[in-house]
Amino acid sequence: MKLKKGDEIEVIAGKDRGKRGKITSVLAKEDKVIVDGVNVMKKHLKAGRDGSKGERIEKPFPVHVSNVMLVCPHTGKPTRVGYAVEGGEKVRISRRSGKSI
């Protein structure tokens, strides 16, 4: 997977198209990412035995990686991600600007 935790992304498809946020976690086996402030849904929690009340909490749910693009730190626009070998190390590069991320 070409995206990592902490990357800034932009949603390119779905109900949250155009929104930007940082990746809080990556689900590599499912090809999904959880982004802060994107795909937020209400989840109902049952009341517990200790007398706590039930409640509805807002929680970000996973988004498929095909629906998001990395935002290039140099241009500020969405870009595809490539790889290059620089100084014996494999680094991610922005396809838009050609610079390493």
PDB file of N, CA and C in Angstrom:
ATOM      1  N   MET A   1       0.845  -1.181   0.000  1.00  0.00           N
ATOM      2  CA  MET A   1       0.000   0.000   0.000  1.00  0.00           C
ATOM      3  C   MET A   1       0.891   1.245   0.000  1.00  0.00           C
ATOM      4  N   LYS A   2       0.501   2.213  -0.793  1.00  0.00           N
ATOM      5  CA  LYS A   2       1.344   3.401  -0.978  1.00  0.00           C
ATOM      6  C   LYS A   2       1.037   4.517   0.018  1.00  0.00           C
ATOM      7  N   LEU A   3      -0.007   4.368   0.815  1.00  0.00           N
ATOM      8  CA  LEU A   3      -0.367   5.382   1.809  1.00  0.00           C
ATOM      9  C   LEU A   3       0.073   4.931   3.193  1.00  0.00           C
ATOM     10  N   LYS A   4       0.441   5.906   4.028  1.00  0.00           N
ATOM     11  CA  LYS A   4       0.903   5.594   5.382  1.00  0.00           C
ATOM     12  C   LYS A   4       0.158   6.448   6.397  1.00  0.00           C
ATOM     13  N   LYS A   5       0.229   6.031   7.654  1.00  0.00           N
ATOM     14  CA  LYS A   5      -0.364   6.782   8.746  1.00  0.00           C
ATOM     15  C   LYS A   5       0.291   8.165   8.824  1.00  0.00           C
ATOM     16  N   GLY A   6      -0.534   9.206   8.940  1.00  0.00           N
ATOM     17  CA  GLY A   6      -0.008  10.564   9.024  1.00  0.00           C
ATOM     18  C   GLY A   6      -0.023  11.316   7.707  1.00  0.00           C
ATOM     19  N   ASP A   7      -0.237  10.616   6.586  1.00  0.00           N
ATOM     20  CA  ASP A   7      -0.308  11.283   5.288  1.00  0.00           C
ATOM     21  C   ASP A   7      -1.573  12.120   5.186  1.00  0.00           C
ATOM     22  N   GLU A   8      -1.499  13.243   4.482  1.00  0.00           N
ATOM     23  CA  GLU A   8      -2.691  14.044   4.211  1.00  0.00           C
ATOM     24  C   GLU A   8      -3.269  13.581   2.886  1.00  0.00           C
ATOM     25  N   ILE A   9      -4.577  13.319   2.869  1.00  0.00           N
ATOM     26  CA  ILE A   9      -5.229  12.815   1.665  1.00  0.00           C
ATOM     27  C   ILE A   9      -6.435  13.675   1.324  1.00  0.00           C
ATOM     28  N   GLU A  10      -6.923  13.499   0.092  1.00  0.00           N
ATOM     29  CA  GLU A  10      -8.171  14.124  -0.352  1.00  0.00           C
ATOM     30  C   GLU A  10      -9.062  13.023  -0.896  1.00  0.00           C
ATOM     31  N   VAL A  11     -10.350  13.072  -0.538  1.00  0.00           N
ATOM     32  CA  VAL A  11     -11.309  12.082  -1.005  1.00  0.00           C
ATOM     33  C   VAL A  11     -11.709  12.461  -2.429  1.00  0.00           C
ATOM     34  N   ILE A  12     -11.624  11.499  -3.360  1.00  0.00           N
ATOM     35  CA  ILE A  12     -11.923  11.791  -4.760  1.00  0.00           C
ATOM     36  C   ILE A  12     -13.233  11.176  -5.234  1.00  0.00           C
ATOM     37  N   ALA A  13     -13.876  10.341  -4.395  1.00  0.00           N
ATOM     38  CA  ALA A  13     -15.137   9.715  -4.779  1.00  0.00           C
ATOM     39  C   ALA A  13     -15.971   9.437  -3.542  1.00  0.00           C
ATOM     40  N   GLY A  14     -17.282   9.492  -3.710  1.00  0.00           N
ATOM     41  CA  GLY A  14     -18.188   9.178  -2.615  1.00  0.00           C
ATOM     42  C   GLY A  14     -18.834  10.410  -2.021  1.00  0.00           C
ATOM     43  N   LYS A  15     -19.540  10.219  -0.909  1.00  0.00           N
ATOM     44  CA  LYS A  15     -20.316  11.310  -0.303  1.00  0.00           C
ATOM     45  C   LYS A  15     -19.449  12.411   0.278  1.00  0.00           C
ATOM     46  N   ASP A  16     -18.188  12.116   0.601  1.00  0.00           N
ATOM     47  CA  ASP A  16     -17.284  13.106   1.197  1.00  0.00           C
ATOM     48  C   ASP A  16     -16.266  13.643   0.192  1.00  0.00           C
ATOM     49  N   ARG A  17     -16.607  13.597  -1.100  1.00  0.00           N
ATOM     50  CA  ARG A  17     -15.674  14.040  -2.142  1.00  0.00           C
ATOM     51  C   ARG A  17     -15.222  15.477  -1.903  1.00  0.00           C
ATOM     52  N   GLY A  18     -13.913  15.700  -1.992  1.00  0.00           N
ATOM     53  CA  GLY A  18     -13.355  17.032  -1.802  1.00  0.00           C
ATOM     54  C   GLY A  18     -12.833  17.298  -0.409  1.00  0.00           C
ATOM     55  N   LYS A  19     -13.206  16.472   0.562  1.00  0.00           N
ATOM     56  CA  LYS A  19     -12.728  16.664   1.931  1.00  0.00           C
ATOM     57  C   LYS A  19     -11.285  16.206   2.061  1.00  0.00           C
ATOM     58  N   ARG A  20     -10.562  16.880   2.945  1.00  0.00           N
ATOM     59  CA  ARG A  20      -9.171  16.516   3.215  1.00  0.00           C
ATOM     60  C   ARG A  20      -9.011  16.141   4.679  1.00  0.00           C
ATOM     61  N   GLY A  21      -8.039  15.306   4.969  1.00  0.00           N
ATOM     62  CA  GLY A  21      -7.764  14.922   6.344  1.00  0.00           C
ATOM     63  C   GLY A  21      -6.508  14.076   6.432  1.00  0.00           C
ATOM     64  N   LYS A  22      -6.101  13.802   7.662  1.00  0.00           N
ATOM     65  CA  LYS A  22      -4.914  12.979   7.909  1.00  0.00           C
ATOM     66  C   LYS A  22      -5.346  11.545   8.191  1.00  0.00           C
ATOM     67  N   ILE A  23      -4.539  10.606   7.730  1.00  0.00           N
ATOM     68  CA  ILE A  23      -4.810   9.190   7.961  1.00  0.00           C
ATOM     69  C   ILE A  23      -4.462   8.867   9.406  1.00  0.00           C
ATOM     70  N   THR A  24      -5.444   8.305  10.148  1.00  0.00           N
ATOM     71  CA  THR A  24      -5.200   7.930  11.534  1.00  0.00           C
ATOM     72  C   THR A  24      -4.798   6.467  11.665  1.00  0.00           C
ATOM     73  N   SER A  25      -5.276   5.615  10.745  1.00  0.00           N
ATOM     74  CA  SER A  25      -4.845   4.220  10.751  1.00  0.00           C
ATOM     75  C   SER A  25      -5.025   3.614   9.363  1.00  0.00           C
ATOM     76  N   VAL A  26      -4.231   2.569   9.095  1.00  0.00           N
ATOM     77  CA  VAL A  26      -4.244   1.890   7.808  1.00  0.00           C
ATOM     78  C   VAL A  26      -4.634   0.433   8.031  1.00  0.00           C
ATOM     79  N   LEU A  27      -5.625  -0.046   7.269  1.00  0.00           N
ATOM     80  CA  LEU A  27      -6.044  -1.444   7.325  1.00  0.00           C
ATOM     81  C   LEU A  27      -5.548  -2.098   6.034  1.00  0.00           C
ATOM     82  N   ALA A  28      -4.321  -2.582   6.042  1.00  0.00           N
ATOM     83  CA  ALA A  28      -3.656  -3.050   4.827  1.00  0.00           C
ATOM     84  C   ALA A  28      -4.320  -4.289   4.224  1.00  0.00           C
ATOM     85  N   LYS A  29      -4.781  -5.200   5.054  1.00  0.00           N
ATOM     86  CA  LYS A  29      -5.378  -6.433   4.543  1.00  0.00           C
ATOM     87  C   LYS A  29      -6.691  -6.162   3.814  1.00  0.00           C
ATOM     88  N   GLU A  30      -7.389  -5.103   4.216  1.00  0.00           N
ATOM     89  CA  GLU A  30      -8.674  -4.768   3.601  1.00  0.00           C
ATOM     90  C   GLU A  30      -8.547  -3.656   2.565  1.00  0.00           C
ATOM     91  N   ASP A  31      -7.337  -3.109   2.357  1.00  0.00           N
ATOM     92  CA  ASP A  31      -7.101  -1.977   1.454  1.00  0.00           C
ATOM     93  C   ASP A  31      -7.969  -0.777   1.814  1.00  0.00           C
ATOM     94  N   LYS A  32      -8.029  -0.458   3.111  1.00  0.00           N
ATOM     95  CA  LYS A  32      -8.822   0.676   3.576  1.00  0.00           C
ATOM     96  C   LYS A  32      -8.004   1.540   4.519  1.00  0.00           C
ATOM     97  N   VAL A  33      -8.399   2.795   4.633  1.00  0.00           N
ATOM     98  CA  VAL A  33      -7.765   3.726   5.570  1.00  0.00           C
ATOM     99  C   VAL A  33      -8.849   4.429   6.372  1.00  0.00           C
ATOM    100  N   ILE A  34      -8.502   4.824   7.605  1.00  0.00           N
ATOM    101  CA  ILE A  34      -9.413   5.604   8.428  1.00  0.00           C
ATOM    102  C   ILE A  34      -8.847   7.010   8.488  1.00  0.00           C
ATOM    103  N   VAL A  35      -9.679   7.978   8.063  1.00  0.00           N
ATOM    104  CA  VAL A  35      -9.247   9.368   7.960  1.00  0.00           C
ATOM    105  C   VAL A  35     -10.063  10.201   8.942  1.00  0.00           C
ATOM    106  N   ASP A  36      -9.372  11.052   9.680  1.00  0.00           N
ATOM    107  CA  ASP A  36     -10.021  11.907  10.669  1.00  0.00           C
ATOM    108  C   ASP A  36     -10.971  12.887   9.983  1.00  0.00           C
ATOM    109  N   GLY A  37     -12.255  12.861  10.340  1.00  0.00           N
ATOM    110  CA  GLY A  37     -13.243  13.802   9.805  1.00  0.00           C
ATOM    111  C   GLY A  37     -13.887  13.380   8.497  1.00  0.00           C
ATOM    112  N   VAL A  38     -13.566  12.196   7.999  1.00  0.00           N
ATOM    113  CA  VAL A  38     -14.126  11.708   6.738  1.00  0.00           C
ATOM    114  C   VAL A  38     -14.895  10.415   7.000  1.00  0.00           C
ATOM    115  N   ASN A  39     -16.050  10.259   6.349  1.00  0.00           N
ATOM    116  CA  ASN A  39     -16.912   9.079   6.491  1.00  0.00           C
ATOM    117  C   ASN A  39     -17.312   8.882   7.956  1.00  0.00           C
ATOM    118  N   VAL A  40     -17.738   9.961   8.598  1.00  0.00           N
ATOM    119  CA  VAL A  40     -18.133   9.921  10.005  1.00  0.00           C
ATOM    120  C   VAL A  40     -19.572   9.426  10.099  1.00  0.00           C
ATOM    121  N   MET A  41     -19.796   8.419  10.920  1.00  0.00           N
ATOM    122  CA  MET A  41     -21.131   7.851  11.118  1.00  0.00           C
ATOM    123  C   MET A  41     -21.453   7.800  12.595  1.00  0.00           C
ATOM    124  N   LYS A  42     -22.745   7.704  12.878  1.00  0.00           N
ATOM    125  CA  LYS A  42     -23.189   7.588  14.266  1.00  0.00           C
ATOM    126  C   LYS A  42     -23.257   6.116  14.641  1.00  0.00           C
ATOM    127  N   LYS A  43     -22.675   5.782  15.788  1.00  0.00           N
ATOM    128  CA  LYS A  43     -22.692   4.410  16.289  1.00  0.00           C
ATOM    129  C   LYS A  43     -23.438   4.410  17.614  1.00  0.00           C
ATOM    130  N   HIS A  44     -24.366   3.467  17.768  1.00  0.00           N
ATOM    131  CA  HIS A  44     -25.170   3.386  18.979  1.00  0.00           C
ATOM    132  C   HIS A  44     -24.495   2.457  19.983  1.00  0.00           C
ATOM    133  N   LEU A  45     -24.318   2.948  21.205  1.00  0.00           N
ATOM    134  CA  LEU A  45     -23.744   2.139  22.276  1.00  0.00           C
ATOM    135  C   LEU A  45     -24.829   1.781  23.266  1.00  0.00           C
ATOM    136  N   LYS A  46     -24.861   0.507  23.656  1.00  0.00           N
ATOM    137  CA  LYS A  46     -25.839   0.041  24.631  1.00  0.00           C
ATOM    138  C   LYS A  46     -25.461   0.502  26.028  1.00  0.00           C
ATOM    139  N   ALA A  47     -26.462   0.603  26.892  1.00  0.00           N
ATOM    140  CA  ALA A  47     -26.200   0.942  28.285  1.00  0.00           C
ATOM    141  C   ALA A  47     -25.465  -0.223  28.949  1.00  0.00           C
ATOM    142  N   GLY A  48     -24.536   0.115  29.827  1.00  0.00           N
ATOM    143  CA  GLY A  48     -23.763  -0.920  30.514  1.00  0.00           C
ATOM    144  C   GLY A  48     -24.427  -1.360  31.803  1.00  0.00           C
ATOM    145  N   ARG A  49     -23.896  -2.389  32.401  1.00  0.00           N
ATOM    146  CA  ARG A  49     -24.452  -2.909  33.650  1.00  0.00           C
ATOM    147  C   ARG A  49     -24.209  -1.972  34.821  1.00  0.00           C
ATOM    148  N   ASP A  50     -23.162  -1.171  34.730  1.00  0.00           N
ATOM    149  CA  ASP A  50     -22.805  -0.312  35.861  1.00  0.00           C
ATOM    150  C   ASP A  50     -23.668   0.943  35.952  1.00  0.00           C
ATOM    151  N   GLY A  51     -24.753   0.993  35.209  1.00  0.00           N
ATOM    152  CA  GLY A  51     -25.673   2.126  35.297  1.00  0.00           C
ATOM    153  C   GLY A  51     -25.413   3.219  34.284  1.00  0.00           C
ATOM    154  N   SER A  52     -24.416   3.055  33.427  1.00  0.00           N
ATOM    155  CA  SER A  52     -24.154   4.084  32.406  1.00  0.00           C
ATOM    156  C   SER A  52     -25.251   4.051  31.353  1.00  0.00           C
ATOM    157  N   LYS A  53     -25.547   5.235  30.799  1.00  0.00           N
ATOM    158  CA  LYS A  53     -26.617   5.334  29.811  1.00  0.00           C
ATOM    159  C   LYS A  53     -26.100   4.950  28.429  1.00  0.00           C
ATOM    160  N   GLY A  54     -27.021   4.537  27.580  1.00  0.00           N
ATOM    161  CA  GLY A  54     -26.685   4.302  26.184  1.00  0.00           C
ATOM    162  C   GLY A  54     -26.488   5.640  25.499  1.00  0.00           C
ATOM    163  N   GLU A  55     -25.723   5.654  24.442  1.00  0.00           N
ATOM    164  CA  GLU A  55     -25.473   6.919  23.761  1.00  0.00           C
ATOM    165  C   GLU A  55     -25.168   6.677  22.294  1.00  0.00           C
ATOM    166  N   ARG A  56     -25.170   7.774  21.522  1.00  0.00           N
ATOM    167  CA  ARG A  56     -24.783   7.728  20.114  1.00  0.00           C
ATOM    168  C   ARG A  56     -23.481   8.507  19.987  1.00  0.00           C
ATOM    169  N   ILE A  57     -22.460   7.851  19.464  1.00  0.00           N
ATOM    170  CA  ILE A  57     -21.186   8.533  19.279  1.00  0.00           C
ATOM    171  C   ILE A  57     -20.898   8.652  17.778  1.00  0.00           C
ATOM    172  N   GLU A  58     -20.160   9.690  17.400  1.00  0.00           N
ATOM    173  CA  GLU A  58     -19.742   9.843  16.015  1.00  0.00           C
ATOM    174  C   GLU A  58     -18.344   9.265  15.868  1.00  0.00           C
ATOM    175  N   LYS A  59     -18.168   8.413  14.870  1.00  0.00           N
ATOM    176  CA  LYS A  59     -16.917   7.686  14.712  1.00  0.00           C
ATOM    177  C   LYS A  59     -16.569   7.633  13.224  1.00  0.00           C
ATOM    178  N   PRO A  60     -15.288   7.901  12.868  1.00  0.00           N
ATOM    179  CA  PRO A  60     -14.894   7.760  11.461  1.00  0.00           C
ATOM    180  C   PRO A  60     -14.760   6.288  11.082  1.00  0.00           C
ATOM    181  N   PHE A  61     -15.361   5.917   9.956  1.00  0.00           N
ATOM    182  CA  PHE A  61     -15.309   4.550   9.465  1.00  0.00           C
ATOM    183  C   PHE A  61     -14.338   4.460   8.284  1.00  0.00           C
ATOM    184  N   PRO A  62     -13.883   3.259   7.941  1.00  0.00           N
ATOM    185  CA  PRO A  62     -12.873   3.113   6.882  1.00  0.00           C
ATOM    186  C   PRO A  62     -13.373   3.536   5.496  1.00  0.00           C
ATOM    187  N   VAL A  63     -12.420   4.010   4.681  1.00  0.00           N
ATOM    188  CA  VAL A  63     -12.658   4.387   3.288  1.00  0.00           C
ATOM    189  C   VAL A  63     -11.692   3.566   2.436  1.00  0.00           C
ATOM    190  N   HIS A  64     -12.156   3.065   1.303  1.00  0.00           N
ATOM    191  CA  HIS A  64     -11.278   2.282   0.427  1.00  0.00           C
ATOM    192  C   HIS A  64     -10.216   3.184  -0.187  1.00  0.00           C
ATOM    193  N   VAL A  65      -9.001   2.644  -0.347  1.00  0.00           N
ATOM    194  CA  VAL A  65      -7.882   3.452  -0.844  1.00  0.00           C
ATOM    195  C   VAL A  65      -8.088   3.934  -2.273  1.00  0.00           C
ATOM    196  N   SER A  66      -8.958   3.274  -3.038  1.00  0.00           N
ATOM    197  CA  SER A  66      -9.207   3.720  -4.408  1.00  0.00           C
ATOM    198  C   SER A  66     -10.000   5.019  -4.438  1.00  0.00           C
ATOM    199  N   ASN A  67     -10.603   5.383  -3.321  1.00  0.00           N
ATOM    200  CA  ASN A  67     -11.409   6.607  -3.254  1.00  0.00           C
ATOM    201  C   ASN A  67     -10.661   7.796  -2.664  1.00  0.00           C
ATOM    202  N   VAL A  68      -9.371   7.634  -2.390  1.00  0.00           N
ATOM    203  CA  VAL A  68      -8.585   8.740  -1.828  1.00  0.00           C
ATOM    204  C   VAL A  68      -7.291   8.907  -2.620  1.00  0.00           C
ATOM    205  N   MET A  69      -6.744  10.141  -2.589  1.00  0.00           N
ATOM    206  CA  MET A  69      -5.453  10.421  -3.211  1.00  0.00           C
ATOM    207  C   MET A  69      -4.596  11.198  -2.233  1.00  0.00           C
ATOM    208  N   LEU A  70      -3.309  10.926  -2.277  1.00  0.00           N
ATOM    209  CA  LEU A  70      -2.359  11.640  -1.443  1.00  0.00           C
ATOM    210  C   LEU A  70      -2.242  13.084  -1.923  1.00  0.00           C
ATOM    211  N   VAL A  71      -2.154  14.026  -0.964  1.00  0.00           N
ATOM    212  CA  VAL A  71      -1.951  15.431  -1.308  1.00  0.00           C
ATOM    213  C   VAL A  71      -0.448  15.689  -1.320  1.00  0.00           C
ATOM    214  N   CYS A  72       0.038  16.206  -2.453  1.00  0.00           N
ATOM    215  CA  CYS A  72       1.472  16.492  -2.605  1.00  0.00           C
ATOM    216  C   CYS A  72       1.860  17.622  -1.657  1.00  0.00           C
ATOM    217  N   PRO A  73       2.882  17.437  -0.817  1.00  0.00           N
ATOM    218  CA  PRO A  73       3.277  18.489   0.117  1.00  0.00           C
ATOM    219  C   PRO A  73       3.905  19.700  -0.571  1.00  0.00           C
ATOM    220  N   HIS A  74       4.348  19.533  -1.817  1.00  0.00           N
ATOM    221  CA  HIS A  74       4.998  20.632  -2.537  1.00  0.00           C
ATOM    222  C   HIS A  74       3.995  21.506  -3.291  1.00  0.00           C
ATOM    223  N   THR A  75       2.981  20.869  -3.921  1.00  0.00           N
ATOM    224  CA  THR A  75       2.019  21.625  -4.728  1.00  0.00           C
ATOM    225  C   THR A  75       0.682  21.821  -4.028  1.00  0.00           C
ATOM    226  N   GLY A  76       0.368  20.970  -3.038  1.00  0.00           N
ATOM    227  CA  GLY A  76      -0.912  21.070  -2.330  1.00  0.00           C
ATOM    228  C   GLY A  76      -2.072  20.491  -3.109  1.00  0.00           C
ATOM    229  N   LYS A  77      -1.779  19.737  -4.175  1.00  0.00           N
ATOM    230  CA  LYS A  77      -2.830  19.140  -5.004  1.00  0.00           C
ATOM    231  C   LYS A  77      -2.747  17.618  -4.919  1.00  0.00           C
ATOM    232  N   PRO A  78      -3.863  16.921  -5.187  1.00  0.00           N
ATOM    233  CA  PRO A  78      -3.841  15.457  -5.158  1.00  0.00           C
ATOM    234  C   PRO A  78      -2.898  14.906  -6.227  1.00  0.00           C
ATOM    235  N   THR A  79      -2.199  13.827  -5.875  1.00  0.00           N
ATOM    236  CA  THR A  79      -1.229  13.245  -6.791  1.00  0.00           C
ATOM    237  C   THR A  79      -1.197  11.734  -6.645  1.00  0.00           C
ATOM    238  N   ARG A  80      -0.737  11.080  -7.704  1.00  0.00           N
ATOM    239  CA  ARG A  80      -0.477   9.652  -7.619  1.00  0.00           C
ATOM    240  C   ARG A  80       0.893   9.457  -6.990  1.00  0.00           C
ATOM    241  N   VAL A  81       1.126   8.264  -6.465  1.00  0.00           N
ATOM    242  CA  VAL A  81       2.379   7.983  -5.762  1.00  0.00           C
ATOM    243  C   VAL A  81       3.185   6.976  -6.560  1.00  0.00           C
ATOM    244  N   GLY A  82       4.480   7.248  -6.694  1.00  0.00           N
ATOM    245  CA  GLY A  82       5.388   6.322  -7.350  1.00  0.00           C
ATOM    246  C   GLY A  82       6.558   6.030  -6.432  1.00  0.00           C
ATOM    247  N   TYR A  83       7.456   5.187  -6.891  1.00  0.00           N
ATOM    248  CA  TYR A  83       8.640   4.836  -6.116  1.00  0.00           C
ATOM    249  C   TYR A  83       9.884   5.093  -6.954  1.00  0.00           C
ATOM    250  N   ALA A  84      10.961   5.462  -6.280  1.00  0.00           N
ATOM    251  CA  ALA A  84      12.258   5.643  -6.923  1.00  0.00           C
ATOM    252  C   ALA A  84      13.342   5.275  -5.923  1.00  0.00           C
ATOM    253  N   VAL A  85      14.510   4.929  -6.443  1.00  0.00           N
ATOM    254  CA  VAL A  85      15.640   4.597  -5.577  1.00  0.00           C
ATOM    255  C   VAL A  85      16.587   5.790  -5.566  1.00  0.00           C
ATOM    256  N   GLU A  86      16.753   6.382  -4.374  1.00  0.00           N
ATOM    257  CA  GLU A  86      17.644   7.526  -4.221  1.00  0.00           C
ATOM    258  C   GLU A  86      18.673   7.198  -3.143  1.00  0.00           C
ATOM    259  N   GLY A  87      19.926   7.174  -3.525  1.00  0.00           N
ATOM    260  CA  GLY A  87      20.992   6.891  -2.562  1.00  0.00           C
ATOM    261  C   GLY A  87      20.902   5.513  -1.939  1.00  0.00           C
ATOM    262  N   GLY A  88      20.443   4.538  -2.706  1.00  0.00           N
ATOM    263  CA  GLY A  88      20.339   3.173  -2.193  1.00  0.00           C
ATOM    264  C   GLY A  88      19.094   2.912  -1.373  1.00  0.00           C
ATOM    265  N   GLU A  89      18.200   3.906  -1.241  1.00  0.00           N
ATOM    266  CA  GLU A  89      16.948   3.739  -0.492  1.00  0.00           C
ATOM    267  C   GLU A  89      15.752   3.910  -1.418  1.00  0.00           C
ATOM    268  N   LYS A  90      14.735   3.103  -1.189  1.00  0.00           N
ATOM    269  CA  LYS A  90      13.495   3.210  -1.943  1.00  0.00           C
ATOM    270  C   LYS A  90      12.629   4.275  -1.281  1.00  0.00           C
ATOM    271  N   VAL A  91      12.251   5.317  -2.042  1.00  0.00           N
ATOM    272  CA  VAL A  91      11.453   6.413  -1.488  1.00  0.00           C
ATOM    273  C   VAL A  91      10.203   6.615  -2.332  1.00  0.00           C
ATOM    274  N   ARG A  92       9.173   7.161  -1.704  1.00  0.00           N
ATOM    275  CA  ARG A  92       7.954   7.497  -2.426  1.00  0.00           C
ATOM    276  C   ARG A  92       8.150   8.844  -3.118  1.00  0.00           C
ATOM    277  N   ILE A  93       7.642   8.968  -4.339  1.00  0.00           N
ATOM    278  CA  ILE A  93       7.729  10.236  -5.049  1.00  0.00           C
ATOM    279  C   ILE A  93       6.334  10.652  -5.518  1.00  0.00           C
ATOM    280  N   SER A  94       6.157  11.956  -5.648  1.00  0.00           N
ATOM    281  CA  SER A  94       4.914  12.514  -6.171  1.00  0.00           C
ATOM    282  C   SER A  94       4.977  12.475  -7.686  1.00  0.00           C
ATOM    283  N   ARG A  95       3.970  11.910  -8.332  1.00  0.00           N
ATOM    284  CA  ARG A  95       3.951  11.850  -9.789  1.00  0.00           C
ATOM    285  C   ARG A  95       3.703  13.240 -10.374  1.00  0.00           C
ATOM    286  N   ARG A  96       3.041  14.113  -9.625  1.00  0.00           N
ATOM    287  CA  ARG A  96       2.728  15.452 -10.116  1.00  0.00           C
ATOM    288  C   ARG A  96       3.981  16.330 -10.156  1.00  0.00           C
ATOM    289  N   SER A  97       4.755  16.358  -9.055  1.00  0.00           N
ATOM    290  CA  SER A  97       5.911  17.240  -8.991  1.00  0.00           C
ATOM    291  C   SER A  97       7.234  16.514  -9.242  1.00  0.00           C
ATOM    292  N   GLY A  98       7.262  15.193  -9.079  1.00  0.00           N
ATOM    293  CA  GLY A  98       8.477  14.425  -9.286  1.00  0.00           C
ATOM    294  C   GLY A  98       9.423  14.447  -8.093  1.00  0.00           C
ATOM    295  N   LYS A  99       9.027  15.118  -7.000  1.00  0.00           N
ATOM    296  CA  LYS A  99       9.878  15.215  -5.810  1.00  0.00           C
ATOM    297  C   LYS A  99       9.522  14.130  -4.815  1.00  0.00           C
ATOM    298  N   SER A 100      10.456  13.809  -3.930  1.00  0.00           N
ATOM    299  CA  SER A 100      10.200  12.773  -2.930  1.00  0.00           C
ATOM    300  C   SER A 100       9.259  13.304  -1.849  1.00  0.00           C
ATOM    301  N   ILE A 101       8.497  12.384  -1.294  1.00  0.00           N
ATOM    302  CA  ILE A 101       7.499  12.748  -0.277  1.00  0.00           C
ATOM    303  C   ILE A 101       8.090  12.527   1.090  1.00  0.00           C
TER     304      ILE A 101
END
